[in-house]
Amino acid sequence: MTRPLKIYLETTTFNYYFDSDRVAHPDTVRLFGEIAAGKYEAYTSKYVIGELEAAKGQKRNRMLNLIREYGIRVFEENDNASRLADVYIRENVVPKDLRMDALHIAISAVNDIDMILSLNFKHIVSKEQNILRGT
């Protein structure tokens, strides 16, 4: 029997769950249903929680409640992830002003996550596509 994919939910995933006017909203809600059904092992981090706690109003609490409601495991801040994020920035994999994105990627890497789910990593996807094309 194969194990479920280990997925990391970046901050935008929680945000899109409640933003019904966003194109990705239905897919995001379906994803959480699949997490509940055991299709995925879902993880997030203290980095995400910090970003969610900065949100205003009732949406903040609703996003944080998703973590408890769906049994999403939370990675603690991690020195190895912090050092790896610094490498990503130093090597221009992630722009210097996007250190939080580097931390999300690094915490996933040091914890053997299979897939990162984000709706705002366009700069990473674009860079990856350019690397694959050799440009």
Protein backbone atom coordinates (compact mmCIF):
# COMPACT_ATOMS: atom_id res chain seq x y z
CA MET A 1 0.00 0.00 0.00
CA THR A 2 1.39 3.40 -0.92
CA ARG A 3 1.40 6.18 1.59
CA PRO A 4 -0.52 9.41 0.99
CA LEU A 5 1.46 12.32 -0.45
CA LYS A 6 2.86 14.64 2.19
CA ILE A 7 1.79 18.17 1.22
CA TYR A 8 2.79 21.52 2.65
CA LEU A 9 0.09 24.19 2.72
CA GLU A 10 1.51 27.67 2.28
CA THR A 11 -0.40 30.69 3.61
CA THR A 12 -2.36 31.40 0.43
CA THR A 13 -4.03 27.99 0.59
CA PHE A 14 -5.82 28.97 3.79
CA ASN A 15 -6.71 32.36 2.37
CA TYR A 16 -8.23 30.98 -0.84
CA TYR A 17 -10.41 28.57 1.15
CA PHE A 18 -12.51 31.56 2.22
CA ASP A 19 -12.16 33.82 -0.86
CA SER A 20 -15.08 32.59 -2.92
CA ASP A 21 -14.44 35.21 -5.61
CA ARG A 22 -11.04 33.64 -6.47
CA VAL A 23 -10.80 31.22 -9.37
CA ALA A 24 -8.95 28.65 -7.23
CA HIS A 25 -11.52 28.72 -4.40
CA PRO A 26 -13.48 25.60 -5.46
CA ASP A 27 -10.26 23.62 -5.96
CA THR A 28 -9.00 24.75 -2.56
CA VAL A 29 -12.19 23.66 -0.81
CA ARG A 30 -12.01 20.31 -2.63
CA LEU A 31 -8.38 19.92 -1.52
CA PHE A 32 -9.37 20.29 2.13
CA GLY A 33 -12.06 17.66 1.60
CA GLU A 34 -9.41 15.32 0.19
CA ILE A 35 -7.23 16.01 3.23
CA ALA A 36 -10.15 15.08 5.47
CA ALA A 37 -10.66 11.88 3.45
CA GLY A 38 -7.02 10.87 4.00
CA LYS A 39 -5.84 11.31 0.43
CA TYR A 40 -3.04 13.61 1.65
CA GLU A 41 -1.02 14.10 4.83
CA ALA A 42 -1.20 17.85 5.26
CA TYR A 43 1.45 19.97 6.93
CA THR A 44 2.06 23.63 7.47
CA SER A 45 4.45 25.56 9.70
CA LYS A 46 4.82 28.15 12.40
CA TYR A 47 5.85 30.48 9.57
CA VAL A 48 2.36 30.12 8.08
CA ILE A 49 0.71 30.50 11.46
CA GLY A 50 2.61 33.75 11.98
CA GLU A 51 1.35 35.05 8.65
CA LEU A 52 -2.22 33.94 9.39
CA GLU A 53 -2.11 35.60 12.81
CA ALA A 54 -1.27 38.89 11.09
CA ALA A 55 -4.60 38.80 9.22
CA LYS A 56 -7.37 41.04 10.46
CA GLY A 57 -10.86 40.27 11.69
CA GLN A 58 -12.84 37.09 11.79
CA LYS A 59 -11.12 35.61 8.74
CA ARG A 60 -7.94 35.28 10.81
CA ASN A 61 -9.64 32.94 13.28
CA ARG A 62 -11.42 31.02 10.53
CA MET A 63 -8.13 30.37 8.70
CA LEU A 64 -6.39 29.27 11.91
CA ASN A 65 -9.33 26.98 12.72
CA LEU A 66 -8.78 25.11 9.44
CA ILE A 67 -5.53 23.79 10.88
CA ARG A 68 -7.31 22.24 13.84
CA GLU A 69 -10.43 21.20 11.93
CA TYR A 70 -8.48 19.27 9.29
CA GLY A 71 -5.76 17.92 11.59
CA ILE A 72 -2.99 19.70 9.71
CA ARG A 73 0.36 19.07 11.35
CA VAL A 74 2.52 22.10 12.13
CA PHE A 75 6.29 22.16 11.73
CA GLU A 76 8.13 24.28 14.27
CA GLU A 77 10.59 26.92 13.15
CA ASN A 78 13.82 25.15 12.36
CA ASP A 79 17.48 26.21 12.24
CA ASN A 80 18.18 23.86 9.32
CA ALA A 81 15.32 25.40 7.36
CA SER A 82 16.54 28.88 8.19
CA ARG A 83 20.04 28.08 6.95
CA LEU A 84 18.67 26.46 3.80
CA ALA A 85 16.48 29.51 3.14
CA ASP A 86 19.60 31.66 3.40
CA VAL A 87 21.29 29.45 0.78
CA TYR A 88 18.28 29.83 -1.54
CA ILE A 89 18.58 33.60 -1.22
CA ARG A 90 22.37 33.71 -1.51
CA GLU A 91 22.21 31.55 -4.67
CA ASN A 92 19.41 33.72 -6.13
CA VAL A 93 16.92 30.87 -6.19
CA VAL A 94 14.55 33.09 -4.20
CA PRO A 95 14.72 36.90 -4.24
CA LYS A 96 16.16 38.46 -1.08
CA ASP A 97 12.94 40.34 -0.31
CA LEU A 98 10.94 37.08 -0.30
CA ARG A 99 12.65 35.32 2.60
CA MET A 100 9.35 33.98 3.94
CA ASP A 101 8.82 32.14 0.66
CA ALA A 102 12.34 30.72 0.99
CA LEU A 103 11.45 29.57 4.52
CA HIS A 104 8.30 27.80 3.29
CA ILE A 105 10.30 25.95 0.66
CA ALA A 106 13.14 25.15 3.05
CA ILE A 107 10.93 23.83 5.87
CA SER A 108 9.31 21.55 3.30
CA ALA A 109 12.67 20.34 2.05
CA VAL A 110 14.10 19.52 5.48
CA ASN A 111 10.92 17.62 6.40
CA ASP A 112 10.73 15.47 3.24
CA ILE A 113 7.53 16.99 1.94
CA ASP A 114 6.41 15.67 -1.45
CA MET A 115 4.63 18.79 -2.67
CA ILE A 116 4.25 22.46 -1.72
CA LEU A 117 0.87 24.00 -2.44
CA SER A 118 0.93 27.73 -2.95
CA LEU A 119 -1.01 30.19 -5.01
CA ASN A 120 1.68 32.87 -5.06
CA PHE A 121 5.03 31.23 -5.87
CA LYS A 122 4.99 32.46 -9.48
CA HIS A 123 8.55 33.73 -9.18
CA ILE A 124 9.70 30.25 -8.14
CA VAL A 125 7.77 28.41 -10.84
CA SER A 126 9.00 30.84 -13.47
CA LYS A 127 12.59 30.47 -12.29
CA GLU A 128 12.28 26.68 -12.26
CA GLN A 129 10.94 26.68 -15.80
CA ASN A 130 13.85 28.85 -16.89
CA ILE A 131 16.35 26.55 -15.17
CA LEU A 132 14.83 23.53 -16.92
CA ARG A 133 15.08 25.31 -20.28
CA GLY A 134 18.68 26.31 -19.58
CA THR A 135 17.98 30.05 -19.69
